Amino acid sequence: MAKTRREFIQATASGGNSTYGKSGRVGVRLADLFEPMRATAMHCGMTYLPPLAFEGISNSQIPNYQKQLIERLMK
């Protein structure tokens, strides 16, 4: 039996809310930028997992983001 392929996107972006979101400079959420990849995954019969996107990371937040990434990869 064939394994189900999964697509998981992890991204970092600077700028945070001032850049992404309805009222940001870009005008869309960071996660919305991945919609073409979701569509491609669906077309190929893959399971698309929600992206894990970190915006405007500071050094003090890195351990929390590392924990989140490890948890997602272990699923």
PDB file of N, CA and C in Angstrom:
ATOM      1  N   MET A   1       0.843  -1.181   0.000  1.00  0.00           N
ATOM      2  CA  MET A   1       0.000   0.000   0.000  1.00  0.00           C
ATOM      3  C   MET A   1       0.891   1.249   0.000  1.00  0.00           C
ATOM      4  N   ALA A   2       0.566   2.211  -0.825  1.00  0.00           N
ATOM      5  CA  ALA A   2       1.369   3.426  -0.947  1.00  0.00           C
ATOM      6  C   ALA A   2       1.183   4.318   0.276  1.00  0.00           C
ATOM      7  N   LYS A   3       2.261   4.976   0.662  1.00  0.00           N
ATOM      8  CA  LYS A   3       2.194   5.922   1.769  1.00  0.00           C
ATOM      9  C   LYS A   3       1.536   7.209   1.284  1.00  0.00           C
ATOM     10  N   THR A   4       0.798   7.835   2.179  1.00  0.00           N
ATOM     11  CA  THR A   4       0.227   9.135   1.871  1.00  0.00           C
ATOM     12  C   THR A   4       1.317  10.185   2.029  1.00  0.00           C
ATOM     13  N   ARG A   5       1.477  11.003   1.033  1.00  0.00           N
ATOM     14  CA  ARG A   5       2.476  12.071   1.097  1.00  0.00           C
ATOM     15  C   ARG A   5       1.854  13.287   1.750  1.00  0.00           C
ATOM     16  N   ARG A   6       2.660  13.936   2.576  1.00  0.00           N
ATOM     17  CA  ARG A   6       2.187  15.124   3.268  1.00  0.00           C
ATOM     18  C   ARG A   6       3.071  16.309   2.908  1.00  0.00           C
ATOM     19  N   GLU A   7       2.452  17.472   2.858  1.00  0.00           N
ATOM     20  CA  GLU A   7       3.201  18.701   2.619  1.00  0.00           C
ATOM     21  C   GLU A   7       3.102  19.560   3.864  1.00  0.00           C
ATOM     22  N   PHE A   8       4.248  19.960   4.377  1.00  0.00           N
ATOM     23  CA  PHE A   8       4.312  20.814   5.559  1.00  0.00           C
ATOM     24  C   PHE A   8       5.255  21.964   5.254  1.00  0.00           C
ATOM     25  N   ILE A   9       4.776  23.174   5.433  1.00  0.00           N
ATOM     26  CA  ILE A   9       5.570  24.366   5.159  1.00  0.00           C
ATOM     27  C   ILE A   9       5.903  25.044   6.479  1.00  0.00           C
ATOM     28  N   GLN A  10       7.161  25.375   6.648  1.00  0.00           N
ATOM     29  CA  GLN A  10       7.605  26.158   7.796  1.00  0.00           C
ATOM     30  C   GLN A  10       8.291  27.381   7.223  1.00  0.00           C
ATOM     31  N   ALA A  11       7.890  28.550   7.713  1.00  0.00           N
ATOM     32  CA  ALA A  11       8.460  29.785   7.173  1.00  0.00           C
ATOM     33  C   ALA A  11       8.671  30.809   8.273  1.00  0.00           C
ATOM     34  N   THR A  12       9.622  31.673   8.056  1.00  0.00           N
ATOM     35  CA  THR A  12       9.831  32.820   8.930  1.00  0.00           C
ATOM     36  C   THR A  12       9.757  34.083   8.080  1.00  0.00           C
ATOM     37  N   ALA A  13       9.268  35.140   8.688  1.00  0.00           N
ATOM     38  CA  ALA A  13       9.160  36.413   7.973  1.00  0.00           C
ATOM     39  C   ALA A  13       9.328  37.556   8.962  1.00  0.00           C
ATOM     40  N   SER A  14      10.026  38.572   8.549  1.00  0.00           N
ATOM     41  CA  SER A  14      10.144  39.746   9.406  1.00  0.00           C
ATOM     42  C   SER A  14       8.960  40.664   9.131  1.00  0.00           C
ATOM     43  N   GLY A  15       8.714  41.562  10.017  1.00  0.00           N
ATOM     44  CA  GLY A  15       7.659  42.539   9.787  1.00  0.00           C
ATOM     45  C   GLY A  15       6.438  42.351  10.655  1.00  0.00           C
ATOM     46  N   GLY A  16       6.035  41.131  10.893  1.00  0.00           N
ATOM     47  CA  GLY A  16       4.877  40.881  11.741  1.00  0.00           C
ATOM     48  C   GLY A  16       3.608  41.533  11.229  1.00  0.00           C
ATOM     49  N   ASN A  17       2.778  42.014  12.157  1.00  0.00           N
ATOM     50  CA  ASN A  17       1.470  42.576  11.802  1.00  0.00           C
ATOM     51  C   ASN A  17       1.564  43.815  10.925  1.00  0.00           C
ATOM     52  N   SER A  18       2.668  44.547  11.018  1.00  0.00           N
ATOM     53  CA  SER A  18       2.792  45.750  10.184  1.00  0.00           C
ATOM     54  C   SER A  18       2.972  45.396   8.709  1.00  0.00           C
ATOM     55  N   THR A  19       3.367  44.167   8.426  1.00  0.00           N
ATOM     56  CA  THR A  19       3.566  43.731   7.048  1.00  0.00           C
ATOM     57  C   THR A  19       2.433  42.838   6.571  1.00  0.00           C
ATOM     58  N   TYR A  20       2.068  41.843   7.367  1.00  0.00           N
ATOM     59  CA  TYR A  20       1.062  40.860   6.964  1.00  0.00           C
ATOM     60  C   TYR A  20      -0.243  41.093   7.708  1.00  0.00           C
ATOM     61  N   GLY A  21      -1.337  40.633   7.133  1.00  0.00           N
ATOM     62  CA  GLY A  21      -2.663  40.836   7.702  1.00  0.00           C
ATOM     63  C   GLY A  21      -3.444  41.821   6.851  1.00  0.00           C
ATOM     64  N   LYS A  22      -4.739  41.881   7.078  1.00  0.00           N
ATOM     65  CA  LYS A  22      -5.615  42.743   6.268  1.00  0.00           C
ATOM     66  C   LYS A  22      -5.174  44.208   6.280  1.00  0.00           C
ATOM     67  N   SER A  23      -4.675  44.695   7.427  1.00  0.00           N
ATOM     68  CA  SER A  23      -4.278  46.105   7.509  1.00  0.00           C
ATOM     69  C   SER A  23      -2.771  46.309   7.339  1.00  0.00           C
ATOM     70  N   GLY A  24      -2.030  45.258   7.025  1.00  0.00           N
ATOM     71  CA  GLY A  24      -0.582  45.370   6.823  1.00  0.00           C
ATOM     72  C   GLY A  24      -0.237  45.855   5.424  1.00  0.00           C
ATOM     73  N   ARG A  25       1.039  46.112   5.201  1.00  0.00           N
ATOM     74  CA  ARG A  25       1.496  46.608   3.891  1.00  0.00           C
ATOM     75  C   ARG A  25       1.192  45.643   2.757  1.00  0.00           C
ATOM     76  N   VAL A  26       1.289  44.330   3.017  1.00  0.00           N
ATOM     77  CA  VAL A  26       1.039  43.333   1.974  1.00  0.00           C
ATOM     78  C   VAL A  26      -0.464  43.141   1.756  1.00  0.00           C
ATOM     79  N   GLY A  27      -1.248  43.274   2.818  1.00  0.00           N
ATOM     80  CA  GLY A  27      -2.701  43.180   2.696  1.00  0.00           C
ATOM     81  C   GLY A  27      -3.278  41.780   2.796  1.00  0.00           C
ATOM     82  N   VAL A  28      -2.448  40.778   2.996  1.00  0.00           N
ATOM     83  CA  VAL A  28      -2.925  39.398   3.188  1.00  0.00           C
ATOM     84  C   VAL A  28      -2.143  38.767   4.338  1.00  0.00           C
ATOM     85  N   ARG A  29      -2.741  37.742   4.917  1.00  0.00           N
ATOM     86  CA  ARG A  29      -2.045  37.007   5.972  1.00  0.00           C
ATOM     87  C   ARG A  29      -0.890  36.218   5.362  1.00  0.00           C
ATOM     88  N   LEU A  30       0.143  36.005   6.152  1.00  0.00           N
ATOM     89  CA  LEU A  30       1.293  35.230   5.682  1.00  0.00           C
ATOM     90  C   LEU A  30       0.845  33.845   5.227  1.00  0.00           C
ATOM     91  N   ALA A  31      -0.032  33.217   5.980  1.00  0.00           N
ATOM     92  CA  ALA A  31      -0.513  31.876   5.621  1.00  0.00           C
ATOM     93  C   ALA A  31      -1.214  31.868   4.261  1.00  0.00           C
ATOM     94  N   ASP A  32      -1.854  32.979   3.886  1.00  0.00           N
ATOM     95  CA  ASP A  32      -2.549  33.042   2.597  1.00  0.00           C
ATOM     96  C   ASP A  32      -1.579  32.970   1.417  1.00  0.00           C
ATOM     97  N   LEU A  33      -0.343  33.348   1.632  1.00  0.00           N
ATOM     98  CA  LEU A  33       0.646  33.285   0.553  1.00  0.00           C
ATOM     99  C   LEU A  33       0.956  31.851   0.144  1.00  0.00           C
ATOM    100  N   PHE A  34       0.592  30.894   0.993  1.00  0.00           N
ATOM    101  CA  PHE A  34       0.875  29.486   0.712  1.00  0.00           C
ATOM    102  C   PHE A  34      -0.275  28.774  -0.005  1.00  0.00           C
ATOM    103  N   GLU A  35      -1.336  29.469  -0.329  1.00  0.00           N
ATOM    104  CA  GLU A  35      -2.496  28.842  -0.978  1.00  0.00           C
ATOM    105  C   GLU A  35      -2.149  28.138  -2.288  1.00  0.00           C
ATOM    106  N   PRO A  36      -1.281  28.698  -3.142  1.00  0.00           N
ATOM    107  CA  PRO A  36      -0.925  27.954  -4.359  1.00  0.00           C
ATOM    108  C   PRO A  36      -0.268  26.605  -4.052  1.00  0.00           C
ATOM    109  N   MET A  37       0.515  26.547  -2.976  1.00  0.00           N
ATOM    110  CA  MET A  37       1.142  25.273  -2.602  1.00  0.00           C
ATOM    111  C   MET A  37       0.101  24.284  -2.083  1.00  0.00           C
ATOM    112  N   ARG A  38      -0.902  24.800  -1.377  1.00  0.00           N
ATOM    113  CA  ARG A  38      -1.996  23.941  -0.911  1.00  0.00           C
ATOM    114  C   ARG A  38      -2.736  23.362  -2.107  1.00  0.00           C
ATOM    115  N   ALA A  39      -3.025  24.203  -3.087  1.00  0.00           N
ATOM    116  CA  ALA A  39      -3.735  23.743  -4.278  1.00  0.00           C
ATOM    117  C   ALA A  39      -2.932  22.679  -5.023  1.00  0.00           C
ATOM    118  N   THR A  40      -1.629  22.875  -5.116  1.00  0.00           N
ATOM    119  CA  THR A  40      -0.776  21.886  -5.780  1.00  0.00           C
ATOM    120  C   THR A  40      -0.776  20.571  -5.021  1.00  0.00           C
ATOM    121  N   ALA A  41      -0.677  20.636  -3.700  1.00  0.00           N
ATOM    122  CA  ALA A  41      -0.698  19.418  -2.882  1.00  0.00           C
ATOM    123  C   ALA A  41      -2.011  18.669  -3.081  1.00  0.00           C
ATOM    124  N   MET A  42      -3.107  19.380  -3.087  1.00  0.00           N
ATOM    125  CA  MET A  42      -4.413  18.744  -3.267  1.00  0.00           C
ATOM    126  C   MET A  42      -4.509  18.112  -4.654  1.00  0.00           C
ATOM    127  N   HIS A  43      -4.007  18.802  -5.659  1.00  0.00           N
ATOM    128  CA  HIS A  43      -4.029  18.283  -7.028  1.00  0.00           C
ATOM    129  C   HIS A  43      -3.237  16.978  -7.132  1.00  0.00           C
ATOM    130  N   CYS A  44      -2.154  16.892  -6.367  1.00  0.00           N
ATOM    131  CA  CYS A  44      -1.283  15.706  -6.404  1.00  0.00           C
ATOM    132  C   CYS A  44      -1.740  14.605  -5.454  1.00  0.00           C
ATOM    133  N   GLY A  45      -2.862  14.814  -4.772  1.00  0.00           N
ATOM    134  CA  GLY A  45      -3.370  13.804  -3.853  1.00  0.00           C
ATOM    135  C   GLY A  45      -2.632  13.760  -2.524  1.00  0.00           C
ATOM    136  N   MET A  46      -1.953  14.841  -2.191  1.00  0.00           N
ATOM    137  CA  MET A  46      -1.205  14.905  -0.938  1.00  0.00           C
ATOM    138  C   MET A  46      -2.085  15.451   0.180  1.00  0.00           C
ATOM    139  N   THR A  47      -1.682  15.192   1.405  1.00  0.00           N
ATOM    140  CA  THR A  47      -2.325  15.794   2.562  1.00  0.00           C
ATOM    141  C   THR A  47      -1.589  17.091   2.861  1.00  0.00           C
ATOM    142  N   TYR A  48      -2.314  18.199   2.841  1.00  0.00           N
ATOM    143  CA  TYR A  48      -1.713  19.505   3.108  1.00  0.00           C
ATOM    144  C   TYR A  48      -1.872  19.817   4.588  1.00  0.00           C
ATOM    145  N   LEU A  49      -0.768  20.023   5.261  1.00  0.00           N
ATOM    146  CA  LEU A  49      -0.790  20.382   6.673  1.00  0.00           C
ATOM    147  C   LEU A  49      -0.702  21.896   6.801  1.00  0.00           C
ATOM    148  N   PRO A  50      -1.409  22.484   7.750  1.00  0.00           N
ATOM    149  CA  PRO A  50      -1.356  23.937   7.904  1.00  0.00           C
ATOM    150  C   PRO A  50       0.084  24.415   8.099  1.00  0.00           C
ATOM    151  N   PRO A  51       0.439  25.533   7.476  1.00  0.00           N
ATOM    152  CA  PRO A  51       1.806  26.036   7.614  1.00  0.00           C
ATOM    153  C   PRO A  51       2.103  26.467   9.048  1.00  0.00           C
ATOM    154  N   LEU A  52       3.347  26.400   9.402  1.00  0.00           N
ATOM    155  CA  LEU A  52       3.820  26.927  10.676  1.00  0.00           C
ATOM    156  C   LEU A  52       4.670  28.137  10.314  1.00  0.00           C
ATOM    157  N   ALA A  53       4.107  29.311  10.501  1.00  0.00           N
ATOM    158  CA  ALA A  53       4.776  30.539  10.077  1.00  0.00           C
ATOM    159  C   ALA A  53       5.066  31.417  11.287  1.00  0.00           C
ATOM    160  N   PHE A  54       6.294  31.844  11.387  1.00  0.00           N
ATOM    161  CA  PHE A  54       6.722  32.708  12.475  1.00  0.00           C
ATOM    162  C   PHE A  54       6.996  34.088  11.903  1.00  0.00           C
ATOM    163  N   GLU A  55       6.388  35.097  12.519  1.00  0.00           N
ATOM    164  CA  GLU A  55       6.548  36.466  12.035  1.00  0.00           C
ATOM    165  C   GLU A  55       7.239  37.318  13.093  1.00  0.00           C
ATOM    166  N   GLY A  56       8.185  38.114  12.676  1.00  0.00           N
ATOM    167  CA  GLY A  56       8.836  39.063  13.569  1.00  0.00           C
ATOM    168  C   GLY A  56       9.456  38.420  14.802  1.00  0.00           C
ATOM    169  N   ILE A  57      10.272  37.416  14.622  1.00  0.00           N
ATOM    170  CA  ILE A  57      10.857  36.665  15.733  1.00  0.00           C
ATOM    171  C   ILE A  57      11.923  37.486  16.460  1.00  0.00           C
ATOM    172  N   SER A  58      11.852  37.449  17.786  1.00  0.00           N
ATOM    173  CA  SER A  58      12.919  38.029  18.600  1.00  0.00           C
ATOM    174  C   SER A  58      13.707  36.886  19.233  1.00  0.00           C
ATOM    175  N   ASN A  59      14.906  37.172  19.674  1.00  0.00           N
ATOM    176  CA  ASN A  59      15.749  36.133  20.273  1.00  0.00           C
ATOM    177  C   ASN A  59      15.069  35.445  21.449  1.00  0.00           C
ATOM    178  N   SER A  60      14.308  36.189  22.236  1.00  0.00           N
ATOM    179  CA  SER A  60      13.654  35.594  23.407  1.00  0.00           C
ATOM    180  C   SER A  60      12.546  34.616  23.014  1.00  0.00           C
ATOM    181  N   GLN A  61      12.026  34.715  21.802  1.00  0.00           N
ATOM    182  CA  GLN A  61      10.944  33.835  21.348  1.00  0.00           C
ATOM    183  C   GLN A  61      11.445  32.561  20.675  1.00  0.00           C
ATOM    184  N   ILE A  62      12.716  32.493  20.344  1.00  0.00           N
ATOM    185  CA  ILE A  62      13.248  31.343  19.606  1.00  0.00           C
ATOM    186  C   ILE A  62      12.977  30.013  20.300  1.00  0.00           C
ATOM    187  N   PRO A  63      13.210  29.874  21.622  1.00  0.00           N
ATOM    188  CA  PRO A  63      12.931  28.574  22.256  1.00  0.00           C
ATOM    189  C   PRO A  63      11.474  28.127  22.096  1.00  0.00           C
ATOM    190  N   ASN A  64      10.534  29.062  22.172  1.00  0.00           N
ATOM    191  CA  ASN A  64       9.124  28.720  21.991  1.00  0.00           C
ATOM    192  C   ASN A  64       8.862  28.253  20.565  1.00  0.00           C
ATOM    193  N   TYR A  65       9.431  28.929  19.592  1.00  0.00           N
ATOM    194  CA  TYR A  65       9.247  28.536  18.197  1.00  0.00           C
ATOM    195  C   TYR A  65       9.908  27.191  17.902  1.00  0.00           C
ATOM    196  N   GLN A  66      11.064  26.954  18.518  1.00  0.00           N
ATOM    197  CA  GLN A  66      11.719  25.654  18.353  1.00  0.00           C
ATOM    198  C   GLN A  66      10.826  24.535  18.886  1.00  0.00           C
ATOM    199  N   LYS A  67      10.219  24.777  20.033  1.00  0.00           N
ATOM    200  CA  LYS A  67       9.321  23.782  20.640  1.00  0.00           C
ATOM    201  C   LYS A  67       8.136  23.501  19.718  1.00  0.00           C
ATOM    202  N   GLN A  68       7.539  24.562  19.179  1.00  0.00           N
ATOM    203  CA  GLN A  68       6.403  24.384  18.264  1.00  0.00           C
ATOM    204  C   GLN A  68       6.795  23.579  17.028  1.00  0.00           C
ATOM    205  N   LEU A  69       7.959  23.870  16.474  1.00  0.00           N
ATOM    206  CA  LEU A  69       8.413  23.160  15.281  1.00  0.00           C
ATOM    207  C   LEU A  69       8.648  21.684  15.591  1.00  0.00           C
ATOM    208  N   ILE A  70       9.299  21.394  16.697  1.00  0.00           N
ATOM    209  CA  ILE A  70       9.541  19.998  17.081  1.00  0.00           C
ATOM    210  C   ILE A  70       8.224  19.260  17.265  1.00  0.00           C
ATOM    211  N   GLU A  71       7.255  19.892  17.936  1.00  0.00           N
ATOM    212  CA  GLU A  71       5.945  19.254  18.141  1.00  0.00           C
ATOM    213  C   GLU A  71       5.270  18.935  16.817  1.00  0.00           C
ATOM    214  N   ARG A  72       5.339  19.863  15.871  1.00  0.00           N
ATOM    215  CA  ARG A  72       4.709  19.630  14.562  1.00  0.00           C
ATOM    216  C   ARG A  72       5.402  18.514  13.800  1.00  0.00           C
ATOM    217  N   LEU A  73       6.724  18.458  13.875  1.00  0.00           N
ATOM    218  CA  LEU A  73       7.466  17.426  13.151  1.00  0.00           C
ATOM    219  C   LEU A  73       7.254  16.039  13.749  1.00  0.00           C
ATOM    220  N   MET A  74       6.928  15.976  15.022  1.00  0.00           N
ATOM    221  CA  MET A  74       6.730  14.691  15.688  1.00  0.00           C
ATOM    222  C   MET A  74       5.347  14.098  15.414  1.00  0.00           C
ATOM    223  N   LYS A  75       4.431  14.886  14.885  1.00  0.00           N
ATOM    224  CA  LYS A  75       3.065  14.391  14.609  1.00  0.00           C
ATOM    225  C   LYS A  75       3.072  13.403  13.474  1.00  0.00           C
TER     226      LYS A  75
END
